[in-house]
Amino acid sequence: MYQNILFDLDGTVTDPGVGITNSVMYALEKFNIKVTDPASLYKFIGPPLPESFASFYQFDPEQCERAVTYYREYYKEKGIYENVVYPGMDALLKEIKASGRNIILATSKPELFSVEILKHFHLDSYFDFVAGATMDGSRCRKEDIIKYAIDQCDIQDVTSAVMIGDREYDISGAKATGMDSIGVLYGYGEAEELAGATYLAYKAEDIMGFL
């Protein structure tokens, strides 16, 4: 039985599609790049922002830094609230908490925004610890965030922990640290990129069965 339950945030606990795509479009417009299909920007959900701007728009490091700054201008005022909790998630977190297990948030989103989102949706009381990215980007890779959570929560046996997420970064980060993973198919990752997960969940209600 897993005692330490790590959750990704975007695409796993909440659906941030509208807020993230609006924030990316706002940033791209500063570079005179117009995007007409918000869904084409779903690929930004999950990876670190600088990596996405560099990969998808060939921005150099200076442009990536500016793009992230523009992104956050919109996100901190509007995008952070253009977000919804996935169906069944509140009940799942309540059930896990009642079972006496530790619930940890492990997200590539900056901790500042992650804590605000949990508070906004009244989910903060379920989480024992929030491990997120730093604003300066010094900690943003999912593997590093999971390692940070393991260290800060003093998890001595990683086999007692499981990482739950919707993207390949969650699965590869879990593997790199020696823990099992649950890939969720209701988020933004495709089944192919989650193929390496220990388990696959089609909806939030499926997760408890694997714990």
N, C-alpha and C. Protein backbone atom coordinates (compact mmCIF):
# COMPACT_ATOMS: atom_id res chain seq x y z
N MET A 1 0.85 -1.20 0.00
CA MET A 1 0.00 0.00 0.00
C MET A 1 0.88 1.25 0.00
N TYR A 2 0.59 2.16 -0.87
CA TYR A 2 1.35 3.40 -0.94
C TYR A 2 0.95 4.34 0.20
N GLN A 3 1.95 4.90 0.86
CA GLN A 3 1.70 5.81 1.97
C GLN A 3 1.87 7.28 1.58
N ASN A 4 2.73 7.52 0.58
CA ASN A 4 3.02 8.88 0.15
C ASN A 4 2.53 9.07 -1.29
N ILE A 5 1.51 9.91 -1.44
CA ILE A 5 0.84 10.06 -2.73
C ILE A 5 1.20 11.42 -3.33
N LEU A 6 1.96 11.40 -4.43
CA LEU A 6 2.38 12.63 -5.09
C LEU A 6 1.46 12.92 -6.28
N PHE A 7 0.93 14.13 -6.33
CA PHE A 7 0.07 14.54 -7.42
C PHE A 7 0.72 15.66 -8.24
N ASP A 8 0.64 15.53 -9.55
CA ASP A 8 0.90 16.65 -10.45
C ASP A 8 -0.30 17.58 -10.29
N LEU A 9 -0.18 18.83 -10.73
CA LEU A 9 -1.30 19.76 -10.61
C LEU A 9 -2.04 19.93 -11.93
N ASP A 10 -1.40 20.58 -12.89
CA ASP A 10 -2.04 20.86 -14.18
C ASP A 10 -2.31 19.57 -14.96
N GLY A 11 -3.56 19.36 -15.32
CA GLY A 11 -3.93 18.17 -16.08
C GLY A 11 -4.15 16.95 -15.22
N THR A 12 -4.03 17.11 -13.89
CA THR A 12 -4.21 15.98 -12.99
C THR A 12 -5.19 16.30 -11.87
N VAL A 13 -4.92 17.38 -11.14
CA VAL A 13 -5.85 17.84 -10.11
C VAL A 13 -6.82 18.85 -10.69
N THR A 14 -6.30 19.78 -11.49
CA THR A 14 -7.16 20.79 -12.12
C THR A 14 -6.93 20.83 -13.63
N ASP A 15 -7.93 21.31 -14.33
CA ASP A 15 -7.83 21.50 -15.78
C ASP A 15 -7.53 22.97 -16.04
N PRO A 16 -6.29 23.30 -16.39
CA PRO A 16 -5.87 24.68 -16.55
C PRO A 16 -5.89 25.17 -17.99
N GLY A 17 -6.54 24.40 -18.87
CA GLY A 17 -6.44 24.66 -20.30
C GLY A 17 -6.68 26.09 -20.71
N VAL A 18 -7.76 26.70 -20.25
CA VAL A 18 -8.11 28.06 -20.67
C VAL A 18 -7.07 29.06 -20.17
N GLY A 19 -6.72 28.97 -18.90
CA GLY A 19 -5.78 29.92 -18.32
C GLY A 19 -4.40 29.86 -18.93
N ILE A 20 -3.90 28.66 -19.16
CA ILE A 20 -2.55 28.52 -19.72
C ILE A 20 -2.51 28.96 -21.17
N THR A 21 -3.48 28.54 -21.96
CA THR A 21 -3.45 28.93 -23.37
C THR A 21 -3.65 30.44 -23.54
N ASN A 22 -4.50 31.04 -22.74
CA ASN A 22 -4.67 32.49 -22.80
C ASN A 22 -3.39 33.21 -22.41
N SER A 23 -2.68 32.68 -21.43
CA SER A 23 -1.44 33.29 -20.98
C SER A 23 -0.36 33.17 -22.05
N VAL A 24 -0.30 32.00 -22.71
CA VAL A 24 0.68 31.80 -23.78
C VAL A 24 0.37 32.72 -24.96
N MET A 25 -0.91 32.82 -25.32
CA MET A 25 -1.29 33.70 -26.43
C MET A 25 -0.94 35.15 -26.13
N TYR A 26 -1.15 35.56 -24.89
CA TYR A 26 -0.79 36.91 -24.46
C TYR A 26 0.70 37.14 -24.64
N ALA A 27 1.51 36.16 -24.22
CA ALA A 27 2.96 36.29 -24.35
C ALA A 27 3.39 36.31 -25.81
N LEU A 28 2.82 35.43 -26.63
CA LEU A 28 3.21 35.36 -28.04
C LEU A 28 2.84 36.63 -28.80
N GLU A 29 1.72 37.25 -28.42
CA GLU A 29 1.31 38.49 -29.08
C GLU A 29 2.35 39.59 -28.88
N LYS A 30 3.10 39.54 -27.78
CA LYS A 30 4.16 40.51 -27.54
C LYS A 30 5.29 40.36 -28.56
N PHE A 31 5.34 39.20 -29.20
CA PHE A 31 6.34 38.94 -30.24
C PHE A 31 5.69 38.99 -31.64
N ASN A 32 4.48 39.53 -31.67
CA ASN A 32 3.71 39.63 -32.93
C ASN A 32 3.41 38.26 -33.54
N ILE A 33 3.20 37.28 -32.67
CA ILE A 33 2.80 35.94 -33.11
C ILE A 33 1.34 35.74 -32.73
N LYS A 34 0.50 35.54 -33.73
CA LYS A 34 -0.92 35.37 -33.50
C LYS A 34 -1.28 33.89 -33.55
N VAL A 35 -2.03 33.42 -32.57
CA VAL A 35 -2.49 32.03 -32.53
C VAL A 35 -4.01 32.04 -32.57
N THR A 36 -4.58 31.38 -33.56
CA THR A 36 -6.03 31.37 -33.71
C THR A 36 -6.70 30.16 -33.08
N ASP A 37 -5.92 29.11 -32.84
CA ASP A 37 -6.48 27.88 -32.25
C ASP A 37 -5.84 27.63 -30.89
N PRO A 38 -6.54 27.99 -29.81
CA PRO A 38 -5.98 27.79 -28.46
C PRO A 38 -5.57 26.35 -28.19
N ALA A 39 -6.31 25.40 -28.77
CA ALA A 39 -6.01 23.99 -28.53
C ALA A 39 -4.61 23.60 -29.00
N SER A 40 -4.08 24.35 -29.96
CA SER A 40 -2.74 24.06 -30.46
C SER A 40 -1.67 24.36 -29.42
N LEU A 41 -2.06 25.05 -28.35
CA LEU A 41 -1.12 25.41 -27.29
C LEU A 41 -1.22 24.49 -26.07
N TYR A 42 -2.04 23.46 -26.17
CA TYR A 42 -2.15 22.51 -25.05
C TYR A 42 -0.80 21.85 -24.75
N LYS A 43 0.08 21.82 -25.76
CA LYS A 43 1.40 21.22 -25.58
C LYS A 43 2.23 21.98 -24.54
N PHE A 44 1.81 23.20 -24.18
CA PHE A 44 2.50 23.98 -23.16
C PHE A 44 2.14 23.50 -21.75
N ILE A 45 1.10 22.69 -21.64
CA ILE A 45 0.65 22.23 -20.32
C ILE A 45 1.50 21.05 -19.88
N GLY A 46 2.30 21.26 -18.85
CA GLY A 46 3.14 20.19 -18.34
C GLY A 46 4.61 20.55 -18.29
N PRO A 47 5.26 20.76 -19.47
CA PRO A 47 6.70 21.04 -19.45
C PRO A 47 7.01 22.42 -18.87
N PRO A 48 8.26 22.64 -18.45
CA PRO A 48 8.66 23.99 -18.02
C PRO A 48 8.48 24.98 -19.16
N LEU A 49 8.03 26.18 -18.85
CA LEU A 49 7.73 27.18 -19.89
C LEU A 49 8.92 27.52 -20.78
N PRO A 50 10.10 27.79 -20.23
CA PRO A 50 11.22 28.14 -21.12
C PRO A 50 11.50 27.04 -22.14
N GLU A 51 11.40 25.81 -21.69
CA GLU A 51 11.62 24.67 -22.58
C GLU A 51 10.60 24.66 -23.72
N SER A 52 9.35 24.98 -23.39
CA SER A 52 8.30 24.98 -24.40
C SER A 52 8.46 26.11 -25.41
N PHE A 53 8.76 27.32 -24.94
CA PHE A 53 8.96 28.43 -25.87
C PHE A 53 10.15 28.17 -26.79
N ALA A 54 11.19 27.56 -26.25
CA ALA A 54 12.37 27.25 -27.06
C ALA A 54 12.07 26.15 -28.08
N SER A 55 11.35 25.12 -27.63
CA SER A 55 11.08 23.98 -28.49
C SER A 55 10.04 24.28 -29.57
N PHE A 56 8.96 24.95 -29.19
CA PHE A 56 7.85 25.14 -30.12
C PHE A 56 7.97 26.41 -30.98
N TYR A 57 8.73 27.40 -30.49
CA TYR A 57 8.85 28.66 -31.24
C TYR A 57 10.30 29.07 -31.49
N GLN A 58 11.23 28.17 -31.16
CA GLN A 58 12.65 28.41 -31.42
C GLN A 58 13.15 29.73 -30.79
N PHE A 59 12.61 30.09 -29.65
CA PHE A 59 13.07 31.29 -28.95
C PHE A 59 14.46 31.03 -28.38
N ASP A 60 15.30 32.06 -28.40
CA ASP A 60 16.61 31.94 -27.77
C ASP A 60 16.43 32.19 -26.26
N PRO A 61 17.46 31.97 -25.45
CA PRO A 61 17.31 32.11 -24.00
C PRO A 61 16.77 33.46 -23.56
N GLU A 62 17.19 34.55 -24.20
CA GLU A 62 16.71 35.88 -23.82
C GLU A 62 15.24 36.03 -24.16
N GLN A 63 14.83 35.52 -25.31
CA GLN A 63 13.41 35.58 -25.70
C GLN A 63 12.56 34.71 -24.77
N CYS A 64 13.08 33.57 -24.39
CA CYS A 64 12.35 32.69 -23.47
C CYS A 64 12.10 33.39 -22.13
N GLU A 65 13.11 34.07 -21.65
CA GLU A 65 12.98 34.78 -20.38
C GLU A 65 11.92 35.87 -20.48
N ARG A 66 11.93 36.62 -21.57
CA ARG A 66 10.91 37.66 -21.78
C ARG A 66 9.53 37.05 -21.92
N ALA A 67 9.44 35.95 -22.65
CA ALA A 67 8.14 35.29 -22.87
C ALA A 67 7.54 34.82 -21.56
N VAL A 68 8.37 34.25 -20.68
CA VAL A 68 7.88 33.79 -19.39
C VAL A 68 7.40 34.97 -18.55
N THR A 69 8.12 36.09 -18.63
CA THR A 69 7.71 37.30 -17.90
C THR A 69 6.35 37.79 -18.39
N TYR A 70 6.15 37.81 -19.71
CA TYR A 70 4.86 38.23 -20.28
C TYR A 70 3.75 37.25 -19.88
N TYR A 71 4.08 35.96 -19.97
CA TYR A 71 3.12 34.92 -19.59
C TYR A 71 2.61 35.16 -18.17
N ARG A 72 3.53 35.43 -17.27
CA ARG A 72 3.16 35.60 -15.86
C ARG A 72 2.38 36.88 -15.62
N GLU A 73 2.56 37.88 -16.47
CA GLU A 73 1.77 39.11 -16.35
C GLU A 73 0.29 38.78 -16.43
N TYR A 74 -0.06 37.99 -17.44
CA TYR A 74 -1.47 37.61 -17.62
C TYR A 74 -1.89 36.57 -16.59
N TYR A 75 -1.01 35.57 -16.39
CA TYR A 75 -1.39 34.43 -15.56
C TYR A 75 -1.71 34.83 -14.13
N LYS A 76 -0.89 35.68 -13.54
CA LYS A 76 -1.09 36.01 -12.12
C LYS A 76 -2.35 36.84 -11.88
N GLU A 77 -2.84 37.52 -12.92
CA GLU A 77 -4.03 38.34 -12.77
C GLU A 77 -5.31 37.61 -13.19
N LYS A 78 -5.23 36.84 -14.27
CA LYS A 78 -6.43 36.20 -14.81
C LYS A 78 -6.29 34.69 -15.00
N GLY A 79 -5.20 34.28 -15.64
CA GLY A 79 -5.04 32.89 -16.04
C GLY A 79 -5.11 31.89 -14.90
N ILE A 80 -4.60 32.28 -13.75
CA ILE A 80 -4.58 31.37 -12.60
C ILE A 80 -5.99 30.94 -12.18
N TYR A 81 -6.97 31.80 -12.45
CA TYR A 81 -8.35 31.51 -12.07
C TYR A 81 -9.18 30.93 -13.22
N GLU A 82 -8.61 30.91 -14.42
CA GLU A 82 -9.30 30.30 -15.57
C GLU A 82 -8.96 28.80 -15.54
N ASN A 83 -9.56 28.11 -14.61
CA ASN A 83 -9.11 26.79 -14.18
C ASN A 83 -10.28 26.10 -13.49
N VAL A 84 -10.38 24.79 -13.59
CA VAL A 84 -11.45 24.06 -12.90
C VAL A 84 -10.89 22.76 -12.32
N VAL A 85 -11.47 22.31 -11.22
CA VAL A 85 -11.07 21.04 -10.60
C VAL A 85 -11.73 19.90 -11.38
N TYR A 86 -10.97 18.85 -11.65
CA TYR A 86 -11.51 17.71 -12.38
C TYR A 86 -12.60 17.01 -11.57
N PRO A 87 -13.63 16.51 -12.25
CA PRO A 87 -14.71 15.79 -11.56
C PRO A 87 -14.15 14.62 -10.73
N GLY A 88 -14.64 14.49 -9.52
CA GLY A 88 -14.23 13.39 -8.65
C GLY A 88 -12.95 13.63 -7.87
N MET A 89 -12.23 14.72 -8.18
CA MET A 89 -10.93 14.95 -7.51
C MET A 89 -11.10 15.31 -6.04
N ASP A 90 -12.04 16.17 -5.72
CA ASP A 90 -12.24 16.56 -4.33
C ASP A 90 -12.57 15.34 -3.47
N ALA A 91 -13.45 14.48 -3.96
CA ALA A 91 -13.83 13.26 -3.22
C ALA A 91 -12.64 12.31 -3.08
N LEU A 92 -11.82 12.22 -4.13
CA LEU A 92 -10.64 11.35 -4.08
C LEU A 92 -9.66 11.83 -3.02
N LEU A 93 -9.35 13.12 -3.03
CA LEU A 93 -8.41 13.67 -2.05
C LEU A 93 -8.93 13.48 -0.63
N LYS A 94 -10.23 13.65 -0.47
CA LYS A 94 -10.85 13.47 0.85
C LYS A 94 -10.69 12.04 1.32
N GLU A 95 -10.91 11.09 0.41
CA GLU A 95 -10.81 9.67 0.76
C GLU A 95 -9.37 9.29 1.10
N ILE A 96 -8.41 9.80 0.31
CA ILE A 96 -6.99 9.50 0.58
C ILE A 96 -6.59 10.06 1.93
N LYS A 97 -7.00 11.28 2.20
CA LYS A 97 -6.67 11.94 3.46
C LYS A 97 -7.26 11.17 4.64
N ALA A 98 -8.48 10.73 4.49
CA ALA A 98 -9.16 9.99 5.56
C ALA A 98 -8.49 8.65 5.83
N SER A 99 -7.77 8.12 4.83
CA SER A 99 -7.09 6.83 5.01
C SER A 99 -5.76 6.98 5.75
N GLY A 100 -5.39 8.21 6.08
CA GLY A 100 -4.19 8.45 6.87
C GLY A 100 -2.91 8.54 6.07
N ARG A 101 -3.01 8.72 4.77
CA ARG A 101 -1.81 8.82 3.93
C ARG A 101 -1.38 10.27 3.72
N ASN A 102 -0.14 10.42 3.29
CA ASN A 102 0.40 11.75 3.02
C ASN A 102 0.12 12.13 1.57
N ILE A 103 -0.37 13.33 1.36
CA ILE A 103 -0.64 13.83 0.01
C ILE A 103 0.31 14.98 -0.27
N ILE A 104 1.05 14.86 -1.37
CA ILE A 104 2.08 15.84 -1.72
C ILE A 104 1.83 16.34 -3.14
N LEU A 105 1.92 17.64 -3.33
CA LEU A 105 1.82 18.20 -4.67
C LEU A 105 3.23 18.29 -5.25
N ALA A 106 3.44 17.73 -6.44
CA ALA A 106 4.74 17.78 -7.12
C ALA A 106 4.50 18.30 -8.52
N THR A 107 4.72 19.59 -8.73
CA THR A 107 4.35 20.25 -9.97
C THR A 107 5.46 21.13 -10.52
N SER A 108 5.51 21.24 -11.85
CA SER A 108 6.47 22.14 -12.50
C SER A 108 5.99 23.58 -12.49
N LYS A 109 4.79 23.81 -11.99
CA LYS A 109 4.30 25.18 -11.83
C LYS A 109 4.98 25.81 -10.62
N PRO A 110 5.30 27.10 -10.67
CA PRO A 110 5.91 27.74 -9.50
C PRO A 110 5.10 27.52 -8.23
N GLU A 111 5.78 27.30 -7.11
CA GLU A 111 5.10 27.05 -5.85
C GLU A 111 4.12 28.17 -5.49
N LEU A 112 4.52 29.40 -5.76
CA LEU A 112 3.68 30.55 -5.45
C LEU A 112 2.30 30.42 -6.06
N PHE A 113 2.25 30.08 -7.35
CA PHE A 113 0.97 29.94 -8.05
C PHE A 113 0.24 28.66 -7.60
N SER A 114 1.00 27.60 -7.37
CA SER A 114 0.40 26.32 -6.98
C SER A 114 -0.35 26.43 -5.66
N VAL A 115 0.28 27.08 -4.68
CA VAL A 115 -0.37 27.27 -3.38
C VAL A 115 -1.63 28.11 -3.53
N GLU A 116 -1.57 29.15 -4.37
CA GLU A 116 -2.72 30.02 -4.58
C GLU A 116 -3.88 29.25 -5.21
N ILE A 117 -3.57 28.38 -6.15
CA ILE A 117 -4.62 27.57 -6.80
C ILE A 117 -5.29 26.63 -5.80
N LEU A 118 -4.48 25.94 -5.00
CA LEU A 118 -5.05 25.03 -4.01
C LEU A 118 -5.96 25.78 -3.04
N LYS A 119 -5.52 26.96 -2.61
CA LYS A 119 -6.34 27.76 -1.69
C LYS A 119 -7.62 28.23 -2.38
N HIS A 120 -7.51 28.66 -3.62
CA HIS A 120 -8.67 29.16 -4.37
C HIS A 120 -9.77 28.12 -4.48
N PHE A 121 -9.36 26.87 -4.70
CA PHE A 121 -10.33 25.78 -4.85
C PHE A 121 -10.59 25.02 -3.55
N HIS A 122 -10.08 25.56 -2.43
CA HIS A 122 -10.28 24.96 -1.10
C HIS A 122 -9.77 23.53 -1.05
N LEU A 123 -8.63 23.28 -1.70
CA LEU A 123 -8.01 21.96 -1.70
C LEU A 123 -6.76 21.92 -0.82
N ASP A 124 -6.34 23.06 -0.34
CA ASP A 124 -5.06 23.15 0.38
C ASP A 124 -5.02 22.31 1.65
N SER A 125 -6.16 22.11 2.27
CA SER A 125 -6.18 21.34 3.53
C SER A 125 -5.86 19.86 3.31
N TYR A 126 -5.97 19.38 2.09
CA TYR A 126 -5.69 17.98 1.81
C TYR A 126 -4.18 17.71 1.69
N PHE A 127 -3.42 18.73 1.32
CA PHE A 127 -2.01 18.53 0.99
C PHE A 127 -1.09 18.78 2.18
N ASP A 128 -0.20 17.81 2.40
CA ASP A 128 0.77 17.91 3.50
C ASP A 128 1.98 18.73 3.10
N PHE A 129 2.26 18.79 1.79
CA PHE A 129 3.43 19.53 1.33
C PHE A 129 3.25 19.90 -0.14
N VAL A 130 3.76 21.06 -0.51
CA VAL A 130 3.73 21.51 -1.91
C VAL A 130 5.15 21.65 -2.42
N ALA A 131 5.50 20.84 -3.40
CA ALA A 131 6.81 20.92 -4.06
C ALA A 131 6.57 21.43 -5.47
N GLY A 132 7.05 22.64 -5.73
CA GLY A 132 6.86 23.23 -7.05
C GLY A 132 8.15 23.79 -7.59
N ALA A 133 8.04 24.45 -8.73
CA ALA A 133 9.20 25.07 -9.34
C ALA A 133 9.53 26.38 -8.64
N THR A 134 10.77 26.78 -8.75
CA THR A 134 11.19 28.09 -8.27
C THR A 134 10.93 29.12 -9.35
N MET A 135 10.70 30.36 -8.98
CA MET A 135 10.40 31.41 -9.96
C MET A 135 11.59 31.70 -10.87
N ASP A 136 12.81 31.46 -10.38
CA ASP A 136 13.99 31.73 -11.20
C ASP A 136 14.38 30.57 -12.10
N GLY A 137 13.60 29.49 -12.04
CA GLY A 137 13.85 28.36 -12.92
C GLY A 137 14.96 27.42 -12.47
N SER A 138 15.51 27.65 -11.29
CA SER A 138 16.59 26.79 -10.81
C SER A 138 16.09 25.39 -10.45
N ARG A 139 14.80 25.27 -10.16
CA ARG A 139 14.18 23.96 -9.95
C ARG A 139 12.90 23.93 -10.76
N CYS A 140 12.95 23.23 -11.90
CA CYS A 140 11.76 23.18 -12.75
C CYS A 140 11.54 21.81 -13.39
N ARG A 141 12.59 20.99 -13.51
CA ARG A 141 12.43 19.65 -14.08
C ARG A 141 11.66 18.76 -13.11
N LYS A 142 10.77 17.95 -13.65
CA LYS A 142 9.92 17.13 -12.78
C LYS A 142 10.75 16.18 -11.90
N GLU A 143 11.81 15.61 -12.46
CA GLU A 143 12.66 14.73 -11.65
C GLU A 143 13.22 15.46 -10.44
N ASP A 144 13.67 16.69 -10.64
CA ASP A 144 14.23 17.48 -9.54
C ASP A 144 13.17 17.84 -8.50
N ILE A 145 11.96 18.11 -8.99
CA ILE A 145 10.87 18.45 -8.08
C ILE A 145 10.46 17.24 -7.24
N ILE A 146 10.43 16.08 -7.86
CA ILE A 146 10.11 14.86 -7.11
C ILE A 146 11.20 14.57 -6.07
N LYS A 147 12.46 14.74 -6.46
CA LYS A 147 13.56 14.53 -5.52
C LYS A 147 13.47 15.51 -4.36
N TYR A 148 13.10 16.74 -4.66
CA TYR A 148 12.93 17.76 -3.63
C TYR A 148 11.82 17.35 -2.65
N ALA A 149 10.71 16.84 -3.19
CA ALA A 149 9.60 16.39 -2.34
C ALA A 149 10.04 15.22 -1.46
N ILE A 150 10.78 14.27 -2.03
CA ILE A 150 11.27 13.12 -1.27
C ILE A 150 12.13 13.58 -0.11
N ASP A 151 13.01 14.53 -0.40
CA ASP A 151 13.93 15.03 0.63
C ASP A 151 13.19 15.80 1.71
N GLN A 152 12.34 16.73 1.30
CA GLN A 152 11.65 17.59 2.25
C GLN A 152 10.64 16.83 3.11
N CYS A 153 10.07 15.79 2.55
CA CYS A 153 9.08 14.99 3.29
C CYS A 153 9.71 13.78 3.98
N ASP A 154 11.04 13.68 3.87
CA ASP A 154 11.80 12.62 4.52
C ASP A 154 11.24 11.23 4.18
N ILE A 155 11.02 11.00 2.88
CA ILE A 155 10.53 9.70 2.42
C ILE A 155 11.74 8.76 2.32
N GLN A 156 11.87 7.87 3.27
CA GLN A 156 13.03 6.98 3.34
C GLN A 156 12.94 5.83 2.33
N ASP A 157 11.73 5.39 2.06
CA ASP A 157 11.53 4.25 1.16
C ASP A 157 10.65 4.72 -0.01
N VAL A 158 11.26 4.89 -1.18
CA VAL A 158 10.50 5.42 -2.32
C VAL A 158 9.45 4.44 -2.83
N THR A 159 9.57 3.16 -2.45
CA THR A 159 8.54 2.20 -2.88
C THR A 159 7.23 2.45 -2.13
N SER A 160 7.27 3.30 -1.09
CA SER A 160 6.05 3.65 -0.37
C SER A 160 5.33 4.82 -1.05
N ALA A 161 5.95 5.34 -2.12
CA ALA A 161 5.41 6.53 -2.79
C ALA A 161 5.00 6.22 -4.23
N VAL A 162 4.05 7.01 -4.73
CA VAL A 162 3.61 6.87 -6.11
C VAL A 162 3.35 8.28 -6.68
N MET A 163 3.75 8.48 -7.93
CA MET A 163 3.56 9.76 -8.61
C MET A 163 2.38 9.65 -9.56
N ILE A 164 1.45 10.60 -9.45
CA ILE A 164 0.26 10.60 -10.30
C ILE A 164 0.31 11.82 -11.21
N GLY A 165 0.25 11.59 -12.53
CA GLY A 165 0.32 12.71 -13.46
C GLY A 165 -0.16 12.36 -14.85
N ASP A 166 -0.27 13.38 -15.68
CA ASP A 166 -0.86 13.18 -17.02
C ASP A 166 0.15 13.30 -18.16
N ARG A 167 1.43 13.58 -17.86
CA ARG A 167 2.40 13.75 -18.93
C ARG A 167 3.61 12.84 -18.74
N GLU A 168 4.36 12.66 -19.82
CA GLU A 168 5.52 11.78 -19.79
C GLU A 168 6.55 12.21 -18.75
N TYR A 169 6.59 13.51 -18.45
CA TYR A 169 7.55 14.02 -17.46
C TYR A 169 7.25 13.45 -16.07
N ASP A 170 5.98 13.25 -15.77
CA ASP A 170 5.60 12.67 -14.48
C ASP A 170 6.07 11.22 -14.39
N ILE A 171 5.91 10.51 -15.49
CA ILE A 171 6.26 9.08 -15.51
C ILE A 171 7.78 8.90 -15.49
N SER A 172 8.50 9.68 -16.32
CA SER A 172 9.95 9.55 -16.36
C SER A 172 10.59 10.06 -15.06
N GLY A 173 9.98 11.09 -14.47
CA GLY A 173 10.49 11.61 -13.20
C GLY A 173 10.34 10.59 -12.09
N ALA A 174 9.21 9.88 -12.09
CA ALA A 174 8.98 8.82 -11.10
C ALA A 174 9.99 7.69 -11.28
N LYS A 175 10.19 7.29 -12.53
CA LYS A 175 11.14 6.20 -12.80
C LYS A 175 12.55 6.57 -12.35
N ALA A 176 12.93 7.82 -12.61
CA ALA A 176 14.28 8.27 -12.27
C ALA A 176 14.54 8.25 -10.77
N THR A 177 13.47 8.38 -10.00
CA THR A 177 13.62 8.39 -8.54
C THR A 177 13.25 7.05 -7.91
N GLY A 178 12.86 6.08 -8.74
CA GLY A 178 12.61 4.74 -8.24
C GLY A 178 11.22 4.48 -7.71
N MET A 179 10.27 5.35 -8.02
CA MET A 179 8.92 5.12 -7.53
C MET A 179 7.96 4.73 -8.64
N ASP A 180 6.85 4.13 -8.26
CA ASP A 180 5.81 3.77 -9.22
C ASP A 180 5.05 5.02 -9.66
N SER A 181 4.24 4.85 -10.69
CA SER A 181 3.48 5.99 -11.21
C SER A 181 2.11 5.57 -11.70
N ILE A 182 1.21 6.53 -11.66
CA ILE A 182 -0.14 6.35 -12.22
C ILE A 182 -0.33 7.43 -13.27
N GLY A 183 -0.49 7.01 -14.51
CA GLY A 183 -0.75 7.96 -15.59
C GLY A 183 -2.24 8.18 -15.73
N VAL A 184 -2.66 9.44 -15.76
CA VAL A 184 -4.10 9.72 -15.88
C VAL A 184 -4.43 10.14 -17.31
N LEU A 185 -5.42 9.49 -17.86
CA LEU A 185 -5.78 9.70 -19.27
C LEU A 185 -6.87 10.74 -19.45
N TYR A 186 -7.33 11.36 -18.34
CA TYR A 186 -8.33 12.42 -18.47
C TYR A 186 -7.67 13.79 -18.62
N GLY A 187 -6.33 13.84 -18.52
CA GLY A 187 -5.61 15.11 -18.63
C GLY A 187 -5.19 15.40 -20.06
N TYR A 188 -3.95 15.88 -20.22
CA TYR A 188 -3.49 16.33 -21.53
C TYR A 188 -2.49 15.41 -22.20
N GLY A 189 -2.10 14.35 -21.52
CA GLY A 189 -1.17 13.40 -22.11
C GLY A 189 -1.89 12.31 -22.87
N GLU A 190 -1.26 11.83 -23.93
CA GLU A 190 -1.82 10.73 -24.71
C GLU A 190 -1.39 9.39 -24.11
N ALA A 191 -2.14 8.36 -24.44
CA ALA A 191 -1.84 7.03 -23.91
C ALA A 191 -0.42 6.59 -24.28
N GLU A 192 0.04 6.97 -25.46
CA GLU A 192 1.37 6.56 -25.91
C GLU A 192 2.47 7.10 -25.00
N GLU A 193 2.35 8.38 -24.60
CA GLU A 193 3.41 8.96 -23.77
C GLU A 193 3.33 8.48 -22.32
N LEU A 194 2.19 7.89 -21.94
CA LEU A 194 2.03 7.37 -20.58
C LEU A 194 2.24 5.87 -20.51
N ALA A 195 2.72 5.30 -21.60
CA ALA A 195 2.85 3.84 -21.70
C ALA A 195 3.77 3.25 -20.63
N GLY A 196 4.70 4.04 -20.12
CA GLY A 196 5.63 3.54 -19.13
C GLY A 196 5.13 3.59 -17.71
N ALA A 197 3.90 4.08 -17.52
CA ALA A 197 3.35 4.19 -16.16
C ALA A 197 3.06 2.81 -15.57
N THR A 198 3.13 2.70 -14.26
CA THR A 198 2.81 1.44 -13.58
C THR A 198 1.34 1.10 -13.76
N TYR A 199 0.48 2.13 -13.68
CA TYR A 199 -0.96 1.97 -13.85
C TYR A 199 -1.48 3.12 -14.72
N LEU A 200 -2.66 2.92 -15.29
CA LEU A 200 -3.34 3.96 -16.05
C LEU A 200 -4.74 4.17 -15.50
N ALA A 201 -5.11 5.42 -15.28
CA ALA A 201 -6.44 5.75 -14.76
C ALA A 201 -7.20 6.56 -15.81
N TYR A 202 -8.42 6.16 -16.07
CA TYR A 202 -9.23 6.86 -17.07
C TYR A 202 -10.00 8.02 -16.46
N LYS A 203 -10.23 7.96 -15.16
CA LYS A 203 -10.91 9.05 -14.46
C LYS A 203 -10.40 9.09 -13.03
N ALA A 204 -10.67 10.20 -12.34
CA ALA A 204 -10.16 10.35 -10.99
C ALA A 204 -10.61 9.22 -10.06
N GLU A 205 -11.81 8.74 -10.27
CA GLU A 205 -12.35 7.68 -9.41
C GLU A 205 -11.56 6.38 -9.51
N ASP A 206 -10.82 6.19 -10.60
CA ASP A 206 -10.05 4.96 -10.78
C ASP A 206 -8.81 4.92 -9.88
N ILE A 207 -8.33 6.08 -9.47
CA ILE A 207 -7.03 6.16 -8.80
C ILE A 207 -7.00 5.43 -7.47
N MET A 208 -8.03 5.57 -6.67
CA MET A 208 -8.03 4.95 -5.34
C MET A 208 -7.80 3.46 -5.40
N GLY A 209 -8.30 2.82 -6.42
CA GLY A 209 -8.13 1.37 -6.56
C GLY A 209 -6.67 0.94 -6.68
N PHE A 210 -5.83 1.83 -7.20
CA PHE A 210 -4.41 1.51 -7.36
C PHE A 210 -3.61 1.81 -6.09
N LEU A 211 -4.20 2.54 -5.16
CA LEU A 211 -3.47 2.93 -3.97
C LEU A 211 -3.55 1.88 -2.86
